[in-house]
Amino acid sequence: GGLLAESERFTSDTLTLADVDADRIVQ
């Protein structure tokens, strides 16, 4: 439910990175 990352819009050649806590989801 929480936003980790969002790109700048109306651009290209962009890279939006976020570290997702898969372990927390399992827990």
mmCIF file of all heavy atoms, coordinates in Angstrom:
data_MODEL
# 
_entry.id   MODEL 
# 
loop_
_atom_site.group_PDB 
_atom_site.id 
_atom_site.type_symbol 
_atom_site.label_atom_id 
_atom_site.label_alt_id 
_atom_site.label_comp_id 
_atom_site.label_asym_id 
_atom_site.label_entity_id 
_atom_site.label_seq_id 
_atom_site.pdbx_PDB_ins_code 
_atom_site.Cartn_x 
_atom_site.Cartn_y 
_atom_site.Cartn_z 
_atom_site.occupancy 
_atom_site.B_iso_or_equiv 
_atom_site.pdbx_formal_charge 
_atom_site.auth_seq_id 
_atom_site.auth_comp_id 
_atom_site.auth_asym_id 
_atom_site.auth_atom_id 
_atom_site.pdbx_PDB_model_num 
ATOM 1   N N   . GLY A 1 1  ? 0.777  -1.232  0.000   1.00 0.00 ? 1  GLY A N   1 
ATOM 2   C CA  . GLY A 1 1  ? 0.000  0.000   0.000   1.00 0.00 ? 1  GLY A CA  1 
ATOM 3   C C   . GLY A 1 1  ? 0.805  1.276   0.000   1.00 0.00 ? 1  GLY A C   1 
ATOM 4   O O   . GLY A 1 1  ? 0.245  2.361   -0.190  1.00 0.00 ? 1  GLY A O   1 
ATOM 5   N N   . GLY A 1 2  ? 2.114  1.197   0.207   1.00 0.00 ? 2  GLY A N   1 
ATOM 6   C CA  . GLY A 1 2  ? 2.956  2.390   0.271   1.00 0.00 ? 2  GLY A CA  1 
ATOM 7   C C   . GLY A 1 2  ? 3.776  2.583   -0.987  1.00 0.00 ? 2  GLY A C   1 
ATOM 8   O O   . GLY A 1 2  ? 4.318  1.625   -1.553  1.00 0.00 ? 2  GLY A O   1 
ATOM 9   N N   . LEU A 1 3  ? 3.880  3.831   -1.436  1.00 0.00 ? 3  LEU A N   1 
ATOM 10  C CA  . LEU A 1 3  ? 4.660  4.155   -2.634  1.00 0.00 ? 3  LEU A CA  1 
ATOM 11  C C   . LEU A 1 3  ? 6.146  4.168   -2.305  1.00 0.00 ? 3  LEU A C   1 
ATOM 12  O O   . LEU A 1 3  ? 6.593  4.921   -1.434  1.00 0.00 ? 3  LEU A O   1 
ATOM 13  C CB  . LEU A 1 3  ? 4.233  5.522   -3.175  1.00 0.00 ? 3  LEU A CB  1 
ATOM 14  C CG  . LEU A 1 3  ? 4.972  6.029   -4.422  1.00 0.00 ? 3  LEU A CG  1 
ATOM 15  C CD1 . LEU A 1 3  ? 4.712  5.122   -5.617  1.00 0.00 ? 3  LEU A CD1 1 
ATOM 16  C CD2 . LEU A 1 3  ? 4.547  7.468   -4.740  1.00 0.00 ? 3  LEU A CD2 1 
ATOM 17  N N   . LEU A 1 4  ? 6.916  3.343   -3.022  1.00 0.00 ? 4  LEU A N   1 
ATOM 18  C CA  . LEU A 1 4  ? 8.364  3.307   -2.834  1.00 0.00 ? 4  LEU A CA  1 
ATOM 19  C C   . LEU A 1 4  ? 9.097  4.202   -3.828  1.00 0.00 ? 4  LEU A C   1 
ATOM 20  O O   . LEU A 1 4  ? 10.096 4.837   -3.493  1.00 0.00 ? 4  LEU A O   1 
ATOM 21  C CB  . LEU A 1 4  ? 8.893  1.880   -2.986  1.00 0.00 ? 4  LEU A CB  1 
ATOM 22  C CG  . LEU A 1 4  ? 8.427  0.829   -1.985  1.00 0.00 ? 4  LEU A CG  1 
ATOM 23  C CD1 . LEU A 1 4  ? 9.146  -0.491  -2.245  1.00 0.00 ? 4  LEU A CD1 1 
ATOM 24  C CD2 . LEU A 1 4  ? 8.662  1.285   -0.556  1.00 0.00 ? 4  LEU A CD2 1 
ATOM 25  N N   . ALA A 1 5  ? 8.624  4.219   -5.075  1.00 0.00 ? 5  ALA A N   1 
ATOM 26  C CA  . ALA A 1 5  ? 9.328  4.988   -6.104  1.00 0.00 ? 5  ALA A CA  1 
ATOM 27  C C   . ALA A 1 5  ? 8.354  5.359   -7.212  1.00 0.00 ? 5  ALA A C   1 
ATOM 28  O O   . ALA A 1 5  ? 7.417  4.624   -7.506  1.00 0.00 ? 5  ALA A O   1 
ATOM 29  C CB  . ALA A 1 5  ? 10.503 4.192   -6.670  1.00 0.00 ? 5  ALA A CB  1 
ATOM 30  N N   . GLU A 1 6  ? 8.622  6.497   -7.841  1.00 0.00 ? 6  GLU A N   1 
ATOM 31  C CA  . GLU A 1 6  ? 7.799  6.990   -8.936  1.00 0.00 ? 6  GLU A CA  1 
ATOM 32  C C   . GLU A 1 6  ? 8.705  7.718   -9.917  1.00 0.00 ? 6  GLU A C   1 
ATOM 33  O O   . GLU A 1 6  ? 9.587  8.478   -9.513  1.00 0.00 ? 6  GLU A O   1 
ATOM 34  C CB  . GLU A 1 6  ? 6.732  7.928   -8.395  1.00 0.00 ? 6  GLU A CB  1 
ATOM 35  C CG  . GLU A 1 6  ? 5.818  8.518   -9.446  1.00 0.00 ? 6  GLU A CG  1 
ATOM 36  C CD  . GLU A 1 6  ? 4.755  9.426   -8.843  1.00 0.00 ? 6  GLU A CD  1 
ATOM 37  O OE1 . GLU A 1 6  ? 4.835  9.731   -7.628  1.00 0.00 ? 6  GLU A OE1 1 
ATOM 38  O OE2 . GLU A 1 6  ? 3.844  9.832   -9.594  1.00 0.00 ? 6  GLU A OE2 1 
ATOM 39  N N   . SER A 1 7  ? 8.486  7.487   -11.198 1.00 0.00 ? 7  SER A N   1 
ATOM 40  C CA  . SER A 1 7  ? 9.337  8.121   -12.203 1.00 0.00 ? 7  SER A CA  1 
ATOM 41  C C   . SER A 1 7  ? 8.889  9.547   -12.494 1.00 0.00 ? 7  SER A C   1 
ATOM 42  O O   . SER A 1 7  ? 7.755  9.940   -12.197 1.00 0.00 ? 7  SER A O   1 
ATOM 43  C CB  . SER A 1 7  ? 9.273  7.318   -13.507 1.00 0.00 ? 7  SER A CB  1 
ATOM 44  O OG  . SER A 1 7  ? 7.972  7.452   -14.091 1.00 0.00 ? 7  SER A OG  1 
ATOM 45  N N   . GLU A 1 8  ? 9.792  10.287  -13.102 1.00 0.00 ? 8  GLU A N   1 
ATOM 46  C CA  . GLU A 1 8  ? 9.391  11.555  -13.703 1.00 0.00 ? 8  GLU A CA  1 
ATOM 47  C C   . GLU A 1 8  ? 8.619  11.216  -14.980 1.00 0.00 ? 8  GLU A C   1 
ATOM 48  O O   . GLU A 1 8  ? 9.024  10.362  -15.764 1.00 0.00 ? 8  GLU A O   1 
ATOM 49  C CB  . GLU A 1 8  ? 10.626 12.387  -14.043 1.00 0.00 ? 8  GLU A CB  1 
ATOM 50  C CG  . GLU A 1 8  ? 10.300 13.741  -14.629 1.00 0.00 ? 8  GLU A CG  1 
ATOM 51  C CD  . GLU A 1 8  ? 11.540 14.540  -14.981 1.00 0.00 ? 8  GLU A CD  1 
ATOM 52  O OE1 . GLU A 1 8  ? 12.652 14.108  -14.611 1.00 0.00 ? 8  GLU A OE1 1 
ATOM 53  O OE2 . GLU A 1 8  ? 11.402 15.594  -15.637 1.00 0.00 ? 8  GLU A OE2 1 
ATOM 54  N N   . ARG A 1 9  ? 7.512  11.885  -15.174 1.00 0.00 ? 9  ARG A N   1 
ATOM 55  C CA  . ARG A 1 9  ? 6.665  11.577  -16.331 1.00 0.00 ? 9  ARG A CA  1 
ATOM 56  C C   . ARG A 1 9  ? 7.082  12.398  -17.555 1.00 0.00 ? 9  ARG A C   1 
ATOM 57  O O   . ARG A 1 9  ? 7.810  13.376  -17.452 1.00 0.00 ? 9  ARG A O   1 
ATOM 58  C CB  . ARG A 1 9  ? 5.207  11.840  -15.986 1.00 0.00 ? 9  ARG A CB  1 
ATOM 59  C CG  . ARG A 1 9  ? 4.688  10.909  -14.891 1.00 0.00 ? 9  ARG A CG  1 
ATOM 60  C CD  . ARG A 1 9  ? 3.426  11.430  -14.248 1.00 0.00 ? 9  ARG A CD  1 
ATOM 61  N NE  . ARG A 1 9  ? 2.343  11.501  -15.228 1.00 0.00 ? 9  ARG A NE  1 
ATOM 62  C CZ  . ARG A 1 9  ? 1.311  12.329  -15.119 1.00 0.00 ? 9  ARG A CZ  1 
ATOM 63  N NH1 . ARG A 1 9  ? 1.235  13.170  -14.097 1.00 0.00 ? 9  ARG A NH1 1 
ATOM 64  N NH2 . ARG A 1 9  ? 0.367  12.319  -16.040 1.00 0.00 ? 9  ARG A NH2 1 
ATOM 65  N N   . PHE A 1 10 ? 6.610  11.966  -18.725 1.00 0.00 ? 10 PHE A N   1 
ATOM 66  C CA  . PHE A 1 10 ? 6.861  12.635  -20.002 1.00 0.00 ? 10 PHE A CA  1 
ATOM 67  C C   . PHE A 1 10 ? 8.348  12.689  -20.339 1.00 0.00 ? 10 PHE A C   1 
ATOM 68  O O   . PHE A 1 10 ? 8.854  13.660  -20.882 1.00 0.00 ? 10 PHE A O   1 
ATOM 69  C CB  . PHE A 1 10 ? 6.252  14.048  -20.015 1.00 0.00 ? 10 PHE A CB  1 
ATOM 70  C CG  . PHE A 1 10 ? 4.770  14.059  -19.773 1.00 0.00 ? 10 PHE A CG  1 
ATOM 71  C CD1 . PHE A 1 10 ? 4.257  14.415  -18.538 1.00 0.00 ? 10 PHE A CD1 1 
ATOM 72  C CD2 . PHE A 1 10 ? 3.890  13.675  -20.775 1.00 0.00 ? 10 PHE A CD2 1 
ATOM 73  C CE1 . PHE A 1 10 ? 2.887  14.397  -18.298 1.00 0.00 ? 10 PHE A CE1 1 
ATOM 74  C CE2 . PHE A 1 10 ? 2.513  13.659  -20.554 1.00 0.00 ? 10 PHE A CE2 1 
ATOM 75  C CZ  . PHE A 1 10 ? 2.012  14.025  -19.306 1.00 0.00 ? 10 PHE A CZ  1 
ATOM 76  N N   . THR A 1 11 ? 9.053  11.645  -19.958 1.00 0.00 ? 11 THR A N   1 
ATOM 77  C CA  . THR A 1 11 ? 10.469 11.507  -20.313 1.00 0.00 ? 11 THR A CA  1 
ATOM 78  C C   . THR A 1 11 ? 10.694 10.072  -20.777 1.00 0.00 ? 11 THR A C   1 
ATOM 79  O O   . THR A 1 11 ? 9.872  9.189   -20.562 1.00 0.00 ? 11 THR A O   1 
ATOM 80  C CB  . THR A 1 11 ? 11.401 11.799  -19.118 1.00 0.00 ? 11 THR A CB  1 
ATOM 81  O OG1 . THR A 1 11 ? 11.125 10.853  -18.077 1.00 0.00 ? 11 THR A OG1 1 
ATOM 82  C CG2 . THR A 1 11 ? 11.202 13.209  -18.597 1.00 0.00 ? 11 THR A CG2 1 
ATOM 83  N N   . SER A 1 12 ? 11.827 9.842   -21.405 1.00 0.00 ? 12 SER A N   1 
ATOM 84  C CA  . SER A 1 12 ? 12.192 8.480   -21.801 1.00 0.00 ? 12 SER A CA  1 
ATOM 85  C C   . SER A 1 12 ? 13.618 8.206   -21.370 1.00 0.00 ? 12 SER A C   1 
ATOM 86  O O   . SER A 1 12 ? 14.303 9.093   -20.836 1.00 0.00 ? 12 SER A O   1 
ATOM 87  C CB  . SER A 1 12 ? 12.052 8.302   -23.323 1.00 0.00 ? 12 SER A CB  1 
ATOM 88  O OG  . SER A 1 12 ? 12.917 9.179   -24.008 1.00 0.00 ? 12 SER A OG  1 
ATOM 89  N N   . ASP A 1 13 ? 14.047 6.977   -21.596 1.00 0.00 ? 13 ASP A N   1 
ATOM 90  C CA  . ASP A 1 13 ? 15.391 6.556   -21.219 1.00 0.00 ? 13 ASP A CA  1 
ATOM 91  C C   . ASP A 1 13 ? 15.594 6.662   -19.706 1.00 0.00 ? 13 ASP A C   1 
ATOM 92  O O   . ASP A 1 13 ? 16.673 6.983   -19.233 1.00 0.00 ? 13 ASP A O   1 
ATOM 93  C CB  . ASP A 1 13 ? 16.445 7.390   -21.967 1.00 0.00 ? 13 ASP A CB  1 
ATOM 94  C CG  . ASP A 1 13 ? 17.809 6.713   -21.974 1.00 0.00 ? 13 ASP A CG  1 
ATOM 95  O OD1 . ASP A 1 13 ? 17.848 5.482   -22.076 1.00 0.00 ? 13 ASP A OD1 1 
ATOM 96  O OD2 . ASP A 1 13 ? 18.826 7.435   -21.860 1.00 0.00 ? 13 ASP A OD2 1 
ATOM 97  N N   . THR A 1 14 ? 14.509 6.421   -18.940 1.00 0.00 ? 14 THR A N   1 
ATOM 98  C CA  . THR A 1 14 ? 14.582 6.574   -17.486 1.00 0.00 ? 14 THR A CA  1 
ATOM 99  C C   . THR A 1 14 ? 14.617 5.220   -16.805 1.00 0.00 ? 14 THR A C   1 
ATOM 100 O O   . THR A 1 14 ? 14.136 4.211   -17.320 1.00 0.00 ? 14 THR A O   1 
ATOM 101 C CB  . THR A 1 14 ? 13.383 7.364   -16.946 1.00 0.00 ? 14 THR A CB  1 
ATOM 102 O OG1 . THR A 1 14 ? 12.183 6.646   -17.260 1.00 0.00 ? 14 THR A OG1 1 
ATOM 103 C CG2 . THR A 1 14 ? 13.324 8.747   -17.542 1.00 0.00 ? 14 THR A CG2 1 
ATOM 104 N N   . LEU A 1 15 ? 15.179 5.220   -15.603 1.00 0.00 ? 15 LEU A N   1 
ATOM 105 C CA  . LEU A 1 15 ? 15.349 4.032   -14.781 1.00 0.00 ? 15 LEU A CA  1 
ATOM 106 C C   . LEU A 1 15 ? 14.812 4.374   -13.397 1.00 0.00 ? 15 LEU A C   1 
ATOM 107 O O   . LEU A 1 15 ? 15.315 5.273   -12.735 1.00 0.00 ? 15 LEU A O   1 
ATOM 108 C CB  . LEU A 1 15 ? 16.839 3.698   -14.704 1.00 0.00 ? 15 LEU A CB  1 
ATOM 109 C CG  . LEU A 1 15 ? 17.294 2.275   -14.422 1.00 0.00 ? 15 LEU A CG  1 
ATOM 110 C CD1 . LEU A 1 15 ? 16.939 1.361   -15.568 1.00 0.00 ? 15 LEU A CD1 1 
ATOM 111 C CD2 . LEU A 1 15 ? 18.813 2.276   -14.207 1.00 0.00 ? 15 LEU A CD2 1 
ATOM 112 N N   . THR A 1 16 ? 13.760 3.689   -12.955 1.00 0.00 ? 16 THR A N   1 
ATOM 113 C CA  . THR A 1 16 ? 13.184 3.928   -11.630 1.00 0.00 ? 16 THR A CA  1 
ATOM 114 C C   . THR A 1 16 ? 13.453 2.708   -10.772 1.00 0.00 ? 16 THR A C   1 
ATOM 115 O O   . THR A 1 16 ? 12.950 1.617   -11.044 1.00 0.00 ? 16 THR A O   1 
ATOM 116 C CB  . THR A 1 16 ? 11.670 4.182   -11.732 1.00 0.00 ? 16 THR A CB  1 
ATOM 117 O OG1 . THR A 1 16 ? 11.438 5.285   -12.601 1.00 0.00 ? 16 THR A OG1 1 
ATOM 118 C CG2 . THR A 1 16 ? 11.078 4.471   -10.367 1.00 0.00 ? 16 THR A CG2 1 
ATOM 119 N N   . LEU A 1 17 ? 14.266 2.886   -9.734  1.00 0.00 ? 17 LEU A N   1 
ATOM 120 C CA  . LEU A 1 17 ? 14.723 1.771   -8.907  1.00 0.00 ? 17 LEU A CA  1 
ATOM 121 C C   . LEU A 1 17 ? 14.088 1.811   -7.530  1.00 0.00 ? 17 LEU A C   1 
ATOM 122 O O   . LEU A 1 17 ? 13.904 2.876   -6.938  1.00 0.00 ? 17 LEU A O   1 
ATOM 123 C CB  . LEU A 1 17 ? 16.244 1.817   -8.741  1.00 0.00 ? 17 LEU A CB  1 
ATOM 124 C CG  . LEU A 1 17 ? 17.101 1.573   -9.989  1.00 0.00 ? 17 LEU A CG  1 
ATOM 125 C CD1 . LEU A 1 17 ? 18.539 1.992   -9.726  1.00 0.00 ? 17 LEU A CD1 1 
ATOM 126 C CD2 . LEU A 1 17 ? 17.048 0.111   -10.398 1.00 0.00 ? 17 LEU A CD2 1 
ATOM 127 N N   . ALA A 1 18 ? 13.794 0.635   -6.997  1.00 0.00 ? 18 ALA A N   1 
ATOM 128 C CA  . ALA A 1 18 ? 13.343 0.520   -5.607  1.00 0.00 ? 18 ALA A CA  1 
ATOM 129 C C   . ALA A 1 18 ? 13.688 -0.861  -5.086  1.00 0.00 ? 18 ALA A C   1 
ATOM 130 O O   . ALA A 1 18 ? 13.607 -1.856  -5.812  1.00 0.00 ? 18 ALA A O   1 
ATOM 131 C CB  . ALA A 1 18 ? 11.846 0.769   -5.487  1.00 0.00 ? 18 ALA A CB  1 
ATOM 132 N N   . ASP A 1 19 ? 14.082 -0.915  -3.824  1.00 0.00 ? 19 ASP A N   1 
ATOM 133 C CA  . ASP A 1 19 ? 14.337 -2.189  -3.158  1.00 0.00 ? 19 ASP A CA  1 
ATOM 134 C C   . ASP A 1 19 ? 13.067 -2.609  -2.421  1.00 0.00 ? 19 ASP A C   1 
ATOM 135 O O   . ASP A 1 19 ? 12.677 -1.992  -1.426  1.00 0.00 ? 19 ASP A O   1 
ATOM 136 C CB  . ASP A 1 19 ? 15.508 -2.066  -2.180  1.00 0.00 ? 19 ASP A CB  1 
ATOM 137 C CG  . ASP A 1 19 ? 16.841 -1.973  -2.905  1.00 0.00 ? 19 ASP A CG  1 
ATOM 138 O OD1 . ASP A 1 19 ? 16.943 -2.515  -4.010  1.00 0.00 ? 19 ASP A OD1 1 
ATOM 139 O OD2 . ASP A 1 19 ? 17.775 -1.352  -2.368  1.00 0.00 ? 19 ASP A OD2 1 
ATOM 140 N N   . VAL A 1 20 ? 12.438 -3.645  -2.926  1.00 0.00 ? 20 VAL A N   1 
ATOM 141 C CA  . VAL A 1 20 ? 11.185 -4.154  -2.376  1.00 0.00 ? 20 VAL A CA  1 
ATOM 142 C C   . VAL A 1 20 ? 11.490 -5.201  -1.314  1.00 0.00 ? 20 VAL A C   1 
ATOM 143 O O   . VAL A 1 20 ? 12.317 -6.089  -1.526  1.00 0.00 ? 20 VAL A O   1 
ATOM 144 C CB  . VAL A 1 20 ? 10.322 -4.759  -3.506  1.00 0.00 ? 20 VAL A CB  1 
ATOM 145 C CG1 . VAL A 1 20 ? 9.188  -5.589  -2.933  1.00 0.00 ? 20 VAL A CG1 1 
ATOM 146 C CG2 . VAL A 1 20 ? 9.790  -3.667  -4.411  1.00 0.00 ? 20 VAL A CG2 1 
ATOM 147 N N   . ASP A 1 21 ? 10.816 -5.096  -0.185  1.00 0.00 ? 21 ASP A N   1 
ATOM 148 C CA  . ASP A 1 21 ? 11.064 -6.015  0.929   1.00 0.00 ? 21 ASP A CA  1 
ATOM 149 C C   . ASP A 1 21 ? 10.183 -7.259  0.787   1.00 0.00 ? 21 ASP A C   1 
ATOM 150 O O   . ASP A 1 21 ? 9.124  -7.374  1.403   1.00 0.00 ? 21 ASP A O   1 
ATOM 151 C CB  . ASP A 1 21 ? 10.783 -5.295  2.252   1.00 0.00 ? 21 ASP A CB  1 
ATOM 152 C CG  . ASP A 1 21 ? 11.335 -6.055  3.449   1.00 0.00 ? 21 ASP A CG  1 
ATOM 153 O OD1 . ASP A 1 21 ? 11.680 -7.235  3.279   1.00 0.00 ? 21 ASP A OD1 1 
ATOM 154 O OD2 . ASP A 1 21 ? 11.418 -5.459  4.534   1.00 0.00 ? 21 ASP A OD2 1 
ATOM 155 N N   . ALA A 1 22 ? 10.644 -8.196  -0.032  1.00 0.00 ? 22 ALA A N   1 
ATOM 156 C CA  . ALA A 1 22 ? 9.879  -9.423  -0.261  1.00 0.00 ? 22 ALA A CA  1 
ATOM 157 C C   . ALA A 1 22 ? 9.775  -10.257 1.007   1.00 0.00 ? 22 ALA A C   1 
ATOM 158 O O   . ALA A 1 22 ? 8.754  -10.906 1.265   1.00 0.00 ? 22 ALA A O   1 
ATOM 159 C CB  . ALA A 1 22 ? 10.529 -10.245 -1.378  1.00 0.00 ? 22 ALA A CB  1 
ATOM 160 N N   . ASP A 1 23 ? 10.801 -10.216 1.828   1.00 0.00 ? 23 ASP A N   1 
ATOM 161 C CA  . ASP A 1 23 ? 10.787 -10.959 3.086   1.00 0.00 ? 23 ASP A CA  1 
ATOM 162 C C   . ASP A 1 23 ? 9.700  -10.423 4.017   1.00 0.00 ? 23 ASP A C   1 
ATOM 163 O O   . ASP A 1 23 ? 8.986  -11.187 4.670   1.00 0.00 ? 23 ASP A O   1 
ATOM 164 C CB  . ASP A 1 23 ? 12.164 -10.844 3.756   1.00 0.00 ? 23 ASP A CB  1 
ATOM 165 C CG  . ASP A 1 23 ? 12.212 -11.489 5.112   1.00 0.00 ? 23 ASP A CG  1 
ATOM 166 O OD1 . ASP A 1 23 ? 12.005 -12.706 5.190   1.00 0.00 ? 23 ASP A OD1 1 
ATOM 167 O OD2 . ASP A 1 23 ? 12.454 -10.774 6.109   1.00 0.00 ? 23 ASP A OD2 1 
ATOM 168 N N   . ARG A 1 24 ? 9.535  -9.115  4.071   1.00 0.00 ? 24 ARG A N   1 
ATOM 169 C CA  . ARG A 1 24 ? 8.498  -8.515  4.917   1.00 0.00 ? 24 ARG A CA  1 
ATOM 170 C C   . ARG A 1 24 ? 7.109  -8.914  4.425   1.00 0.00 ? 24 ARG A C   1 
ATOM 171 O O   . ARG A 1 24 ? 6.194  -9.142  5.223   1.00 0.00 ? 24 ARG A O   1 
ATOM 172 C CB  . ARG A 1 24 ? 8.633  -6.988  4.934   1.00 0.00 ? 24 ARG A CB  1 
ATOM 173 C CG  . ARG A 1 24 ? 7.639  -6.309  5.853   1.00 0.00 ? 24 ARG A CG  1 
ATOM 174 C CD  . ARG A 1 24 ? 7.896  -4.822  5.983   1.00 0.00 ? 24 ARG A CD  1 
ATOM 175 N NE  . ARG A 1 24 ? 7.401  -4.069  4.857   1.00 0.00 ? 24 ARG A NE  1 
ATOM 176 C CZ  . ARG A 1 24 ? 6.853  -2.845  4.961   1.00 0.00 ? 24 ARG A CZ  1 
ATOM 177 N NH1 . ARG A 1 24 ? 6.738  -2.265  6.140   1.00 0.00 ? 24 ARG A NH1 1 
ATOM 178 N NH2 . ARG A 1 24 ? 6.445  -2.202  3.898   1.00 0.00 ? 24 ARG A NH2 1 
ATOM 179 N N   . ILE A 1 25 ? 6.947  -8.999  3.107   1.00 0.00 ? 25 ILE A N   1 
ATOM 180 C CA  . ILE A 1 25 ? 5.664  -9.420  2.533   1.00 0.00 ? 25 ILE A CA  1 
ATOM 181 C C   . ILE A 1 25 ? 5.331  -10.844 2.973   1.00 0.00 ? 25 ILE A C   1 
ATOM 182 O O   . ILE A 1 25 ? 4.202  -11.142 3.384   1.00 0.00 ? 25 ILE A O   1 
ATOM 183 C CB  . ILE A 1 25 ? 5.703  -9.308  0.999   1.00 0.00 ? 25 ILE A CB  1 
ATOM 184 C CG1 . ILE A 1 25 ? 5.781  -7.826  0.587   1.00 0.00 ? 25 ILE A CG1 1 
ATOM 185 C CG2 . ILE A 1 25 ? 4.498  -9.981  0.369   1.00 0.00 ? 25 ILE A CG2 1 
ATOM 186 C CD1 . ILE A 1 25 ? 6.140  -7.609  -0.863  1.00 0.00 ? 25 ILE A CD1 1 
ATOM 187 N N   . VAL A 1 26 ? 6.319  -11.721 2.905   1.00 0.00 ? 26 VAL A N   1 
ATOM 188 C CA  . VAL A 1 26 ? 6.114  -13.103 3.346   1.00 0.00 ? 26 VAL A CA  1 
ATOM 189 C C   . VAL A 1 26 ? 5.711  -13.130 4.812   1.00 0.00 ? 26 VAL A C   1 
ATOM 190 O O   . VAL A 1 26 ? 4.771  -13.828 5.221   1.00 0.00 ? 26 VAL A O   1 
ATOM 191 C CB  . VAL A 1 26 ? 7.388  -13.936 3.111   1.00 0.00 ? 26 VAL A CB  1 
ATOM 192 C CG1 . VAL A 1 26 ? 7.278  -15.303 3.781   1.00 0.00 ? 26 VAL A CG1 1 
ATOM 193 C CG2 . VAL A 1 26 ? 7.648  -14.107 1.620   1.00 0.00 ? 26 VAL A CG2 1 
ATOM 194 N N   . GLN A 1 27 ? 6.428  -12.355 5.641   1.00 0.00 ? 27 GLN A N   1 
ATOM 195 C CA  . GLN A 1 27 ? 6.123  -12.314 7.066   1.00 0.00 ? 27 GLN A CA  1 
ATOM 196 C C   . GLN A 1 27 ? 4.720  -11.794 7.327   1.00 0.00 ? 27 GLN A C   1 
ATOM 197 O O   . GLN A 1 27 ? 3.985  -12.310 8.172   1.00 0.00 ? 27 GLN A O   1 
ATOM 198 C CB  . GLN A 1 27 ? 7.145  -11.426 7.789   1.00 0.00 ? 27 GLN A CB  1 
ATOM 199 C CG  . GLN A 1 27 ? 8.529  -12.004 7.890   1.00 0.00 ? 27 GLN A CG  1 
ATOM 200 C CD  . GLN A 1 27 ? 8.585  -13.212 8.800   1.00 0.00 ? 27 GLN A CD  1 
ATOM 201 O OE1 . GLN A 1 27 ? 7.882  -13.285 9.802   1.00 0.00 ? 27 GLN A OE1 1 
ATOM 202 N NE2 . GLN A 1 27 ? 9.409  -14.186 8.457   1.00 0.00 ? 27 GLN A NE2 1 
# 
